[in-house]
Amino acid sequence: MKKTIITLVLGTFLLFIWNAVSWMVLPFHSQTLNSLPENVLDVEALKQSDLKSGVYHYPGFPDSQSPKAMATMEQLLQSQPRIPFMVVKKEPTLLFDPVQFFWSLMINLVTVTLAYFLIKKLSPKNPKSIFLYALALGGIVALISDLSLMNWYFFPLDYTLVNLMDRIVSFGLLGVLFGIYTFKNTSDG
């Protein structure tokens, strides 16, 4: 039990540290995440609008699904820029909100716990099989999340690949932890 708890804590912080390094130290995310120029968005109009915090796209779907409305929508998509995915937060925010760091740790804890229990069922266990299984889990997560987002919301390939690699590296690190510490002398290893 003690080894399990230590694994979950170490894994949680391992993912947290990897995310910090990936986003704050390595250049890849900053090279693929672009800021809108100041003059593109009318911030005052946005503040004054009745727009609520949420996920938006532009142009939005027409109220009617009639052939005429859909044809107009197709013309708009051919003649102007499209924003397929945009998150708006109208309330004040902090650049580095401590609450977000807390939730990041909690999400990491759940991720590590789920990966732990999946890999615990693996038989036989050896460092190589554990590592490859963990990489496969990361690949599945990347396929269902990052590649789907690229497909439906037009995320650019470079942005998608960086995020995909984040998933695979994260699960690879967990595979190393599980292989050399957690399940190191198991009876089926």
N, C-alpha and C. Protein backbone atom coordinates (compact mmCIF):
# COMPACT_ATOMS: atom_id res chain seq x y z
N MET A 1 0.82 -1.20 0.00
CA MET A 1 0.00 0.00 0.00
C MET A 1 0.87 1.27 0.00
N LYS A 2 1.94 1.21 0.80
CA LYS A 2 2.83 2.37 0.88
C LYS A 2 3.44 2.68 -0.49
N LYS A 3 3.85 1.62 -1.20
CA LYS A 3 4.46 1.81 -2.52
C LYS A 3 3.44 2.41 -3.50
N THR A 4 2.18 2.01 -3.38
CA THR A 4 1.13 2.55 -4.25
C THR A 4 0.94 4.04 -3.99
N ILE A 5 0.86 4.42 -2.74
CA ILE A 5 0.68 5.84 -2.39
C ILE A 5 1.87 6.66 -2.88
N ILE A 6 3.07 6.15 -2.64
CA ILE A 6 4.27 6.86 -3.11
C ILE A 6 4.24 6.99 -4.63
N THR A 7 3.83 5.93 -5.32
CA THR A 7 3.73 5.96 -6.78
C THR A 7 2.75 7.03 -7.24
N LEU A 8 1.58 7.08 -6.61
CA LEU A 8 0.56 8.05 -7.02
C LEU A 8 1.04 9.48 -6.80
N VAL A 9 1.70 9.72 -5.67
CA VAL A 9 2.22 11.07 -5.38
C VAL A 9 3.35 11.42 -6.35
N LEU A 10 4.31 10.49 -6.51
CA LEU A 10 5.42 10.76 -7.44
C LEU A 10 4.91 10.97 -8.86
N GLY A 11 3.99 10.12 -9.30
CA GLY A 11 3.44 10.24 -10.64
C GLY A 11 2.72 11.56 -10.86
N THR A 12 1.95 11.98 -9.85
CA THR A 12 1.23 13.25 -9.93
C THR A 12 2.20 14.41 -10.13
N PHE A 13 3.26 14.44 -9.33
CA PHE A 13 4.22 15.52 -9.44
C PHE A 13 5.10 15.38 -10.69
N LEU A 14 5.34 14.16 -11.12
CA LEU A 14 6.09 13.93 -12.35
C LEU A 14 5.34 14.55 -13.54
N LEU A 15 4.04 14.30 -13.63
CA LEU A 15 3.24 14.90 -14.70
C LEU A 15 3.19 16.42 -14.58
N PHE A 16 3.05 16.91 -13.36
CA PHE A 16 2.99 18.36 -13.13
C PHE A 16 4.30 19.02 -13.59
N ILE A 17 5.42 18.42 -13.21
CA ILE A 17 6.73 18.97 -13.59
C ILE A 17 6.92 18.89 -15.10
N TRP A 18 6.54 17.76 -15.70
CA TRP A 18 6.67 17.65 -17.16
C TRP A 18 5.84 18.73 -17.85
N ASN A 19 4.61 18.95 -17.39
CA ASN A 19 3.78 20.00 -18.00
C ASN A 19 4.43 21.37 -17.87
N ALA A 20 5.01 21.65 -16.71
CA ALA A 20 5.67 22.94 -16.51
C ALA A 20 6.86 23.08 -17.46
N VAL A 21 7.67 22.04 -17.55
CA VAL A 21 8.83 22.08 -18.46
C VAL A 21 8.37 22.22 -19.91
N SER A 22 7.37 21.44 -20.27
CA SER A 22 6.88 21.45 -21.65
C SER A 22 6.34 22.82 -22.05
N TRP A 23 5.58 23.45 -21.16
CA TRP A 23 4.94 24.72 -21.50
C TRP A 23 5.81 25.94 -21.20
N MET A 24 6.66 25.87 -20.17
CA MET A 24 7.38 27.08 -19.75
C MET A 24 8.85 27.10 -20.13
N VAL A 25 9.44 25.94 -20.37
CA VAL A 25 10.87 25.89 -20.66
C VAL A 25 11.13 25.57 -22.13
N LEU A 26 10.50 24.53 -22.62
CA LEU A 26 10.70 24.15 -24.02
C LEU A 26 9.96 25.13 -24.94
N PRO A 27 10.48 25.38 -26.12
CA PRO A 27 9.90 26.41 -26.98
C PRO A 27 8.70 25.97 -27.82
N PHE A 28 8.35 24.70 -27.81
CA PHE A 28 7.41 24.18 -28.79
C PHE A 28 6.00 24.74 -28.67
N HIS A 29 5.47 24.83 -27.46
CA HIS A 29 4.11 25.36 -27.31
C HIS A 29 4.05 26.83 -27.71
N SER A 30 5.05 27.61 -27.28
CA SER A 30 5.02 29.04 -27.60
C SER A 30 5.19 29.28 -29.10
N GLN A 31 5.80 28.34 -29.79
CA GLN A 31 5.97 28.49 -31.24
C GLN A 31 4.69 28.16 -32.01
N THR A 32 3.75 27.46 -31.37
CA THR A 32 2.54 27.04 -32.09
C THR A 32 1.27 27.71 -31.57
N LEU A 33 1.36 28.46 -30.50
CA LEU A 33 0.20 29.14 -29.93
C LEU A 33 0.32 30.63 -30.25
N ASN A 34 -0.60 31.14 -31.04
CA ASN A 34 -0.51 32.51 -31.53
C ASN A 34 -1.45 33.44 -30.76
N SER A 35 -1.04 34.69 -30.61
CA SER A 35 -1.88 35.72 -30.00
C SER A 35 -2.55 36.53 -31.10
N LEU A 36 -3.81 36.88 -30.87
CA LEU A 36 -4.48 37.78 -31.81
C LEU A 36 -3.87 39.17 -31.68
N PRO A 37 -3.62 39.85 -32.78
CA PRO A 37 -3.14 41.24 -32.68
C PRO A 37 -4.20 42.11 -32.00
N GLU A 38 -3.75 43.14 -31.31
CA GLU A 38 -4.64 44.02 -30.55
C GLU A 38 -5.77 44.60 -31.40
N ASN A 39 -5.48 44.97 -32.62
CA ASN A 39 -6.48 45.66 -33.44
C ASN A 39 -7.50 44.73 -34.10
N VAL A 40 -7.37 43.42 -33.93
CA VAL A 40 -8.27 42.48 -34.58
C VAL A 40 -9.56 42.30 -33.79
N LEU A 41 -9.48 42.41 -32.50
CA LEU A 41 -10.63 42.15 -31.64
C LEU A 41 -11.08 43.45 -30.96
N ASP A 42 -12.34 43.77 -31.04
CA ASP A 42 -12.89 44.95 -30.39
C ASP A 42 -13.25 44.58 -28.95
N VAL A 43 -12.29 44.76 -28.05
CA VAL A 43 -12.44 44.34 -26.65
C VAL A 43 -13.58 45.09 -25.97
N GLU A 44 -13.72 46.38 -26.25
CA GLU A 44 -14.81 47.16 -25.64
C GLU A 44 -16.17 46.63 -26.06
N ALA A 45 -16.33 46.32 -27.33
CA ALA A 45 -17.60 45.75 -27.79
C ALA A 45 -17.85 44.40 -27.13
N LEU A 46 -16.81 43.63 -26.95
CA LEU A 46 -16.93 42.33 -26.28
C LEU A 46 -17.37 42.50 -24.83
N LYS A 47 -16.78 43.49 -24.14
CA LYS A 47 -17.16 43.76 -22.75
C LYS A 47 -18.62 44.18 -22.64
N GLN A 48 -19.07 45.01 -23.58
CA GLN A 48 -20.42 45.55 -23.53
C GLN A 48 -21.48 44.55 -24.00
N SER A 49 -21.08 43.54 -24.72
CA SER A 49 -22.06 42.59 -25.27
C SER A 49 -22.64 41.72 -24.17
N ASP A 50 -23.73 41.04 -24.49
CA ASP A 50 -24.32 40.12 -23.51
C ASP A 50 -23.73 38.71 -23.66
N LEU A 51 -22.60 38.63 -24.32
CA LEU A 51 -21.89 37.37 -24.50
C LEU A 51 -21.50 36.82 -23.13
N LYS A 52 -21.81 35.56 -22.90
CA LYS A 52 -21.46 34.92 -21.64
C LYS A 52 -20.15 34.15 -21.82
N SER A 53 -19.51 33.83 -20.71
CA SER A 53 -18.33 32.98 -20.77
C SER A 53 -18.73 31.64 -21.39
N GLY A 54 -17.91 31.14 -22.29
CA GLY A 54 -18.23 29.87 -22.93
C GLY A 54 -17.37 29.60 -24.14
N VAL A 55 -17.74 28.59 -24.88
CA VAL A 55 -17.03 28.20 -26.10
C VAL A 55 -17.85 28.69 -27.29
N TYR A 56 -17.17 29.35 -28.22
CA TYR A 56 -17.84 29.95 -29.37
C TYR A 56 -17.15 29.55 -30.67
N HIS A 57 -17.85 29.77 -31.75
CA HIS A 57 -17.27 29.64 -33.08
C HIS A 57 -17.88 30.73 -33.95
N TYR A 58 -17.13 31.08 -35.01
CA TYR A 58 -17.59 32.13 -35.90
C TYR A 58 -17.26 31.74 -37.34
N PRO A 59 -18.15 31.91 -38.27
CA PRO A 59 -19.54 32.32 -38.05
C PRO A 59 -20.33 31.18 -37.42
N GLY A 60 -21.30 31.55 -36.62
CA GLY A 60 -22.14 30.54 -35.97
C GLY A 60 -23.08 29.88 -36.95
N PHE A 61 -23.61 28.75 -36.55
CA PHE A 61 -24.58 28.07 -37.41
C PHE A 61 -25.86 28.88 -37.50
N PRO A 62 -26.52 28.84 -38.64
CA PRO A 62 -27.78 29.59 -38.80
C PRO A 62 -28.87 29.00 -37.92
N ASP A 63 -29.85 29.84 -37.56
CA ASP A 63 -30.97 29.38 -36.75
C ASP A 63 -31.78 28.33 -37.48
N SER A 64 -31.84 28.47 -38.79
CA SER A 64 -32.62 27.55 -39.61
C SER A 64 -31.68 26.60 -40.35
N GLN A 65 -32.08 25.38 -40.52
CA GLN A 65 -31.29 24.41 -41.28
C GLN A 65 -31.79 24.30 -42.73
N SER A 66 -32.54 25.31 -43.16
CA SER A 66 -33.09 25.28 -44.52
C SER A 66 -31.96 25.28 -45.54
N PRO A 67 -32.22 24.78 -46.73
CA PRO A 67 -31.19 24.78 -47.78
C PRO A 67 -30.64 26.17 -48.06
N LYS A 68 -31.50 27.19 -48.04
CA LYS A 68 -31.06 28.56 -48.30
C LYS A 68 -30.11 29.03 -47.19
N ALA A 69 -30.49 28.79 -45.93
CA ALA A 69 -29.64 29.21 -44.81
C ALA A 69 -28.30 28.48 -44.84
N MET A 70 -28.31 27.20 -45.17
CA MET A 70 -27.07 26.44 -45.22
C MET A 70 -26.19 26.89 -46.40
N ALA A 71 -26.82 27.26 -47.52
CA ALA A 71 -26.06 27.78 -48.66
C ALA A 71 -25.40 29.11 -48.31
N THR A 72 -26.13 29.96 -47.58
CA THR A 72 -25.56 31.24 -47.12
C THR A 72 -24.37 30.98 -46.19
N MET A 73 -24.52 30.00 -45.31
CA MET A 73 -23.44 29.63 -44.40
C MET A 73 -22.21 29.17 -45.19
N GLU A 74 -22.41 28.35 -46.19
CA GLU A 74 -21.30 27.88 -47.03
C GLU A 74 -20.60 29.04 -47.72
N GLN A 75 -21.37 30.03 -48.18
CA GLN A 75 -20.78 31.21 -48.83
C GLN A 75 -19.94 31.99 -47.83
N LEU A 76 -20.45 32.15 -46.61
CA LEU A 76 -19.68 32.84 -45.57
C LEU A 76 -18.35 32.12 -45.32
N LEU A 77 -18.41 30.81 -45.22
CA LEU A 77 -17.20 30.03 -44.94
C LEU A 77 -16.19 30.13 -46.06
N GLN A 78 -16.64 30.37 -47.27
CA GLN A 78 -15.74 30.50 -48.42
C GLN A 78 -15.19 31.92 -48.57
N SER A 79 -15.83 32.90 -47.93
CA SER A 79 -15.47 34.29 -48.21
C SER A 79 -14.85 35.05 -47.03
N GLN A 80 -14.77 34.45 -45.86
CA GLN A 80 -14.22 35.18 -44.71
C GLN A 80 -13.52 34.23 -43.76
N PRO A 81 -12.73 34.78 -42.85
CA PRO A 81 -12.05 33.92 -41.88
C PRO A 81 -13.05 33.17 -41.00
N ARG A 82 -12.62 32.03 -40.54
CA ARG A 82 -13.45 31.20 -39.68
C ARG A 82 -12.73 30.97 -38.36
N ILE A 83 -13.46 31.07 -37.27
CA ILE A 83 -12.92 30.74 -35.95
C ILE A 83 -13.71 29.52 -35.47
N PRO A 84 -13.15 28.33 -35.64
CA PRO A 84 -13.91 27.13 -35.29
C PRO A 84 -13.96 26.83 -33.80
N PHE A 85 -13.10 27.47 -33.01
CA PHE A 85 -13.06 27.15 -31.58
C PHE A 85 -12.44 28.33 -30.84
N MET A 86 -13.22 28.97 -29.97
CA MET A 86 -12.71 30.10 -29.20
C MET A 86 -13.35 30.08 -27.82
N VAL A 87 -12.54 30.17 -26.78
CA VAL A 87 -13.05 30.20 -25.42
C VAL A 87 -13.06 31.65 -24.95
N VAL A 88 -14.20 32.10 -24.45
CA VAL A 88 -14.34 33.46 -23.93
C VAL A 88 -14.58 33.36 -22.43
N LYS A 89 -13.81 34.10 -21.67
CA LYS A 89 -13.99 34.19 -20.21
C LYS A 89 -14.22 35.66 -19.90
N LYS A 90 -15.47 36.03 -19.62
CA LYS A 90 -15.80 37.45 -19.41
C LYS A 90 -15.39 37.93 -18.02
N GLU A 91 -15.42 37.04 -17.04
CA GLU A 91 -15.07 37.43 -15.69
C GLU A 91 -13.56 37.65 -15.58
N PRO A 92 -13.14 38.46 -14.61
CA PRO A 92 -11.70 38.69 -14.43
C PRO A 92 -10.98 37.36 -14.11
N THR A 93 -9.76 37.24 -14.58
CA THR A 93 -8.96 36.05 -14.33
C THR A 93 -7.56 36.46 -13.89
N LEU A 94 -6.83 35.50 -13.36
CA LEU A 94 -5.42 35.69 -13.03
C LEU A 94 -4.58 34.96 -14.06
N LEU A 95 -3.40 35.48 -14.34
CA LEU A 95 -2.52 34.81 -15.29
C LEU A 95 -2.13 33.43 -14.78
N PHE A 96 -1.73 33.34 -13.53
CA PHE A 96 -1.39 32.07 -12.90
C PHE A 96 -2.23 31.91 -11.65
N ASP A 97 -3.42 31.41 -11.82
CA ASP A 97 -4.37 31.24 -10.72
C ASP A 97 -4.01 30.00 -9.91
N PRO A 98 -3.78 30.15 -8.60
CA PRO A 98 -3.45 28.99 -7.76
C PRO A 98 -4.51 27.88 -7.84
N VAL A 99 -5.76 28.25 -8.04
CA VAL A 99 -6.82 27.24 -8.15
C VAL A 99 -6.58 26.35 -9.36
N GLN A 100 -6.11 26.92 -10.46
CA GLN A 100 -5.82 26.11 -11.64
C GLN A 100 -4.67 25.14 -11.39
N PHE A 101 -3.67 25.56 -10.63
CA PHE A 101 -2.58 24.66 -10.28
C PHE A 101 -3.09 23.50 -9.42
N PHE A 102 -3.98 23.81 -8.47
CA PHE A 102 -4.58 22.77 -7.64
C PHE A 102 -5.33 21.76 -8.51
N TRP A 103 -6.18 22.26 -9.42
CA TRP A 103 -6.96 21.35 -10.27
C TRP A 103 -6.06 20.57 -11.22
N SER A 104 -4.97 21.17 -11.65
CA SER A 104 -4.01 20.45 -12.48
C SER A 104 -3.45 19.25 -11.72
N LEU A 105 -3.10 19.48 -10.45
CA LEU A 105 -2.60 18.37 -9.63
C LEU A 105 -3.67 17.29 -9.46
N MET A 106 -4.91 17.70 -9.25
CA MET A 106 -6.00 16.71 -9.07
C MET A 106 -6.23 15.90 -10.35
N ILE A 107 -6.19 16.58 -11.49
CA ILE A 107 -6.34 15.88 -12.78
C ILE A 107 -5.19 14.90 -12.98
N ASN A 108 -3.98 15.35 -12.64
CA ASN A 108 -2.82 14.46 -12.75
C ASN A 108 -2.97 13.25 -11.83
N LEU A 109 -3.46 13.47 -10.61
CA LEU A 109 -3.66 12.37 -9.67
C LEU A 109 -4.64 11.34 -10.22
N VAL A 110 -5.74 11.80 -10.78
CA VAL A 110 -6.72 10.88 -11.37
C VAL A 110 -6.10 10.13 -12.55
N THR A 111 -5.34 10.85 -13.39
CA THR A 111 -4.69 10.22 -14.54
C THR A 111 -3.72 9.13 -14.09
N VAL A 112 -2.88 9.46 -13.11
CA VAL A 112 -1.90 8.49 -12.61
C VAL A 112 -2.61 7.29 -11.98
N THR A 113 -3.67 7.55 -11.23
CA THR A 113 -4.41 6.47 -10.58
C THR A 113 -5.01 5.52 -11.62
N LEU A 114 -5.64 6.07 -12.65
CA LEU A 114 -6.22 5.23 -13.70
C LEU A 114 -5.14 4.44 -14.44
N ALA A 115 -4.04 5.10 -14.78
CA ALA A 115 -2.94 4.40 -15.46
C ALA A 115 -2.37 3.30 -14.57
N TYR A 116 -2.23 3.59 -13.28
CA TYR A 116 -1.70 2.60 -12.33
C TYR A 116 -2.57 1.35 -12.31
N PHE A 117 -3.88 1.53 -12.18
CA PHE A 117 -4.76 0.37 -12.09
C PHE A 117 -4.86 -0.40 -13.41
N LEU A 118 -4.74 0.29 -14.53
CA LEU A 118 -4.71 -0.42 -15.82
C LEU A 118 -3.42 -1.24 -15.96
N ILE A 119 -2.30 -0.62 -15.62
CA ILE A 119 -1.01 -1.31 -15.77
C ILE A 119 -0.86 -2.41 -14.71
N LYS A 120 -1.49 -2.24 -13.57
CA LYS A 120 -1.45 -3.27 -12.52
C LYS A 120 -2.03 -4.59 -13.05
N LYS A 121 -2.99 -4.51 -13.95
CA LYS A 121 -3.63 -5.71 -14.52
C LYS A 121 -2.76 -6.38 -15.59
N LEU A 122 -1.74 -5.68 -16.07
CA LEU A 122 -0.87 -6.20 -17.12
C LEU A 122 -0.11 -7.43 -16.63
N SER A 123 -0.06 -8.45 -17.47
CA SER A 123 0.69 -9.65 -17.10
C SER A 123 1.27 -10.25 -18.37
N PRO A 124 2.52 -10.63 -18.39
CA PRO A 124 3.50 -10.43 -17.33
C PRO A 124 3.99 -8.98 -17.31
N LYS A 125 4.48 -8.60 -16.15
CA LYS A 125 5.00 -7.24 -15.99
C LYS A 125 6.52 -7.28 -16.04
N ASN A 126 7.09 -6.47 -16.90
CA ASN A 126 8.52 -6.21 -16.90
C ASN A 126 8.68 -4.77 -17.35
N PRO A 127 9.83 -4.17 -17.11
CA PRO A 127 9.97 -2.74 -17.45
C PRO A 127 9.60 -2.41 -18.90
N LYS A 128 9.97 -3.29 -19.83
CA LYS A 128 9.68 -3.01 -21.24
C LYS A 128 8.18 -3.06 -21.51
N SER A 129 7.50 -4.10 -21.03
CA SER A 129 6.06 -4.22 -21.30
C SER A 129 5.28 -3.09 -20.62
N ILE A 130 5.71 -2.71 -19.43
CA ILE A 130 5.06 -1.61 -18.71
C ILE A 130 5.23 -0.31 -19.48
N PHE A 131 6.46 -0.05 -19.93
CA PHE A 131 6.74 1.18 -20.67
C PHE A 131 5.93 1.23 -21.97
N LEU A 132 5.92 0.13 -22.72
CA LEU A 132 5.19 0.10 -23.99
C LEU A 132 3.69 0.23 -23.78
N TYR A 133 3.18 -0.39 -22.73
CA TYR A 133 1.75 -0.28 -22.43
C TYR A 133 1.40 1.16 -22.06
N ALA A 134 2.26 1.80 -21.26
CA ALA A 134 2.03 3.20 -20.89
C ALA A 134 2.07 4.10 -22.13
N LEU A 135 3.03 3.86 -23.03
CA LEU A 135 3.08 4.63 -24.28
C LEU A 135 1.81 4.43 -25.10
N ALA A 136 1.32 3.19 -25.13
CA ALA A 136 0.08 2.91 -25.87
C ALA A 136 -1.09 3.69 -25.26
N LEU A 137 -1.15 3.76 -23.94
CA LEU A 137 -2.21 4.55 -23.29
C LEU A 137 -2.10 6.02 -23.71
N GLY A 138 -0.88 6.56 -23.71
CA GLY A 138 -0.68 7.94 -24.14
C GLY A 138 -1.08 8.14 -25.59
N GLY A 139 -0.77 7.17 -26.43
CA GLY A 139 -1.16 7.25 -27.84
C GLY A 139 -2.66 7.25 -28.02
N ILE A 140 -3.36 6.42 -27.24
CA ILE A 140 -4.82 6.37 -27.32
C ILE A 140 -5.42 7.71 -26.90
N VAL A 141 -4.90 8.26 -25.80
CA VAL A 141 -5.39 9.57 -25.34
C VAL A 141 -5.15 10.63 -26.41
N ALA A 142 -3.97 10.61 -27.02
CA ALA A 142 -3.66 11.60 -28.07
C ALA A 142 -4.57 11.44 -29.28
N LEU A 143 -4.83 10.20 -29.67
CA LEU A 143 -5.71 9.97 -30.83
C LEU A 143 -7.11 10.49 -30.58
N ILE A 144 -7.66 10.17 -29.43
CA ILE A 144 -9.05 10.52 -29.16
C ILE A 144 -9.21 12.01 -28.84
N SER A 145 -8.14 12.66 -28.40
CA SER A 145 -8.27 14.08 -28.06
C SER A 145 -7.64 14.96 -29.13
N ASP A 146 -6.35 14.94 -29.24
CA ASP A 146 -5.64 15.89 -30.10
C ASP A 146 -5.95 15.72 -31.59
N LEU A 147 -5.93 14.49 -32.07
CA LEU A 147 -6.22 14.30 -33.50
C LEU A 147 -7.68 14.58 -33.82
N SER A 148 -8.58 14.27 -32.90
CA SER A 148 -9.99 14.61 -33.13
C SER A 148 -10.19 16.12 -33.18
N LEU A 149 -9.53 16.84 -32.28
CA LEU A 149 -9.64 18.30 -32.29
C LEU A 149 -9.06 18.88 -33.58
N MET A 150 -7.96 18.33 -34.04
CA MET A 150 -7.38 18.80 -35.30
C MET A 150 -8.37 18.58 -36.45
N ASN A 151 -9.01 17.44 -36.45
CA ASN A 151 -9.95 17.11 -37.51
C ASN A 151 -11.17 18.03 -37.50
N TRP A 152 -11.80 18.20 -36.36
CA TRP A 152 -13.07 18.92 -36.30
C TRP A 152 -12.93 20.43 -36.13
N TYR A 153 -11.86 20.87 -35.46
CA TYR A 153 -11.71 22.30 -35.20
C TYR A 153 -10.53 22.92 -35.94
N PHE A 154 -9.94 22.17 -36.85
CA PHE A 154 -8.87 22.68 -37.71
C PHE A 154 -7.63 23.11 -36.94
N PHE A 155 -7.35 22.47 -35.81
CA PHE A 155 -6.11 22.78 -35.12
C PHE A 155 -4.96 22.50 -36.09
N PRO A 156 -3.98 23.39 -36.17
CA PRO A 156 -2.87 23.18 -37.10
C PRO A 156 -2.06 21.92 -36.73
N LEU A 157 -1.42 21.35 -37.72
CA LEU A 157 -0.66 20.12 -37.51
C LEU A 157 0.46 20.32 -36.50
N ASP A 158 1.21 21.44 -36.58
CA ASP A 158 2.32 21.64 -35.65
C ASP A 158 1.82 21.74 -34.21
N TYR A 159 0.73 22.46 -33.99
CA TYR A 159 0.14 22.57 -32.65
C TYR A 159 -0.31 21.20 -32.15
N THR A 160 -0.95 20.44 -33.04
CA THR A 160 -1.45 19.12 -32.68
C THR A 160 -0.31 18.17 -32.34
N LEU A 161 0.75 18.19 -33.13
CA LEU A 161 1.88 17.29 -32.88
C LEU A 161 2.56 17.58 -31.55
N VAL A 162 2.69 18.86 -31.20
CA VAL A 162 3.29 19.21 -29.91
C VAL A 162 2.43 18.67 -28.77
N ASN A 163 1.13 18.85 -28.86
CA ASN A 163 0.24 18.34 -27.81
C ASN A 163 0.22 16.82 -27.78
N LEU A 164 0.24 16.20 -28.95
CA LEU A 164 0.29 14.75 -29.03
C LEU A 164 1.55 14.22 -28.35
N MET A 165 2.69 14.86 -28.61
CA MET A 165 3.93 14.43 -27.98
C MET A 165 3.89 14.63 -26.47
N ASP A 166 3.21 15.67 -26.01
CA ASP A 166 3.05 15.87 -24.57
C ASP A 166 2.36 14.66 -23.93
N ARG A 167 1.31 14.18 -24.57
CA ARG A 167 0.59 13.01 -24.01
C ARG A 167 1.50 11.79 -23.97
N ILE A 168 2.20 11.56 -25.07
CA ILE A 168 3.04 10.36 -25.16
C ILE A 168 4.20 10.43 -24.17
N VAL A 169 4.84 11.59 -24.06
CA VAL A 169 5.94 11.75 -23.10
C VAL A 169 5.41 11.58 -21.67
N SER A 170 4.26 12.18 -21.37
CA SER A 170 3.68 12.05 -20.03
C SER A 170 3.48 10.59 -19.65
N PHE A 171 2.84 9.84 -20.53
CA PHE A 171 2.59 8.43 -20.23
C PHE A 171 3.89 7.62 -20.27
N GLY A 172 4.83 8.01 -21.10
CA GLY A 172 6.14 7.36 -21.10
C GLY A 172 6.85 7.53 -19.77
N LEU A 173 6.78 8.74 -19.21
CA LEU A 173 7.37 8.98 -17.89
C LEU A 173 6.70 8.12 -16.83
N LEU A 174 5.38 8.00 -16.91
CA LEU A 174 4.68 7.12 -15.97
C LEU A 174 5.13 5.68 -16.16
N GLY A 175 5.33 5.26 -17.40
CA GLY A 175 5.80 3.91 -17.67
C GLY A 175 7.16 3.65 -17.06
N VAL A 176 8.05 4.64 -17.12
CA VAL A 176 9.37 4.50 -16.50
C VAL A 176 9.21 4.38 -14.98
N LEU A 177 8.40 5.25 -14.38
CA LEU A 177 8.17 5.20 -12.93
C LEU A 177 7.61 3.84 -12.52
N PHE A 178 6.58 3.40 -13.22
CA PHE A 178 5.95 2.12 -12.88
C PHE A 178 6.92 0.96 -13.10
N GLY A 179 7.72 1.03 -14.15
CA GLY A 179 8.61 -0.07 -14.49
C GLY A 179 9.81 -0.20 -13.58
N ILE A 180 10.40 0.93 -13.17
CA ILE A 180 11.62 0.84 -12.36
C ILE A 180 11.38 0.98 -10.86
N TYR A 181 10.17 1.42 -10.48
CA TYR A 181 9.90 1.54 -9.05
C TYR A 181 8.67 0.73 -8.62
N THR A 182 7.53 1.07 -9.15
CA THR A 182 6.27 0.53 -8.65
C THR A 182 6.18 -0.98 -8.76
N PHE A 183 6.44 -1.48 -9.96
CA PHE A 183 6.28 -2.92 -10.18
C PHE A 183 7.63 -3.62 -10.33
N LYS A 184 8.68 -3.02 -9.76
CA LYS A 184 10.05 -3.54 -9.89
C LYS A 184 10.16 -4.92 -9.30
N ASN A 185 10.08 -5.65 -8.78
CA ASN A 185 10.24 -6.98 -8.22
C ASN A 185 8.89 -7.65 -8.02
N THR A 186 7.99 -7.51 -8.96
CA THR A 186 6.69 -8.18 -8.82
C THR A 186 6.84 -9.63 -9.23
N SER A 187 5.96 -10.47 -8.72
CA SER A 187 6.08 -11.91 -8.94
C SER A 187 5.91 -12.30 -10.40
N ASP A 188 5.19 -11.49 -11.19
CA ASP A 188 5.01 -11.85 -12.60
C ASP A 188 5.93 -11.04 -13.52
N GLY A 189 6.93 -10.35 -12.95
CA GLY A 189 7.79 -9.48 -13.74
C GLY A 189 9.02 -10.11 -14.25
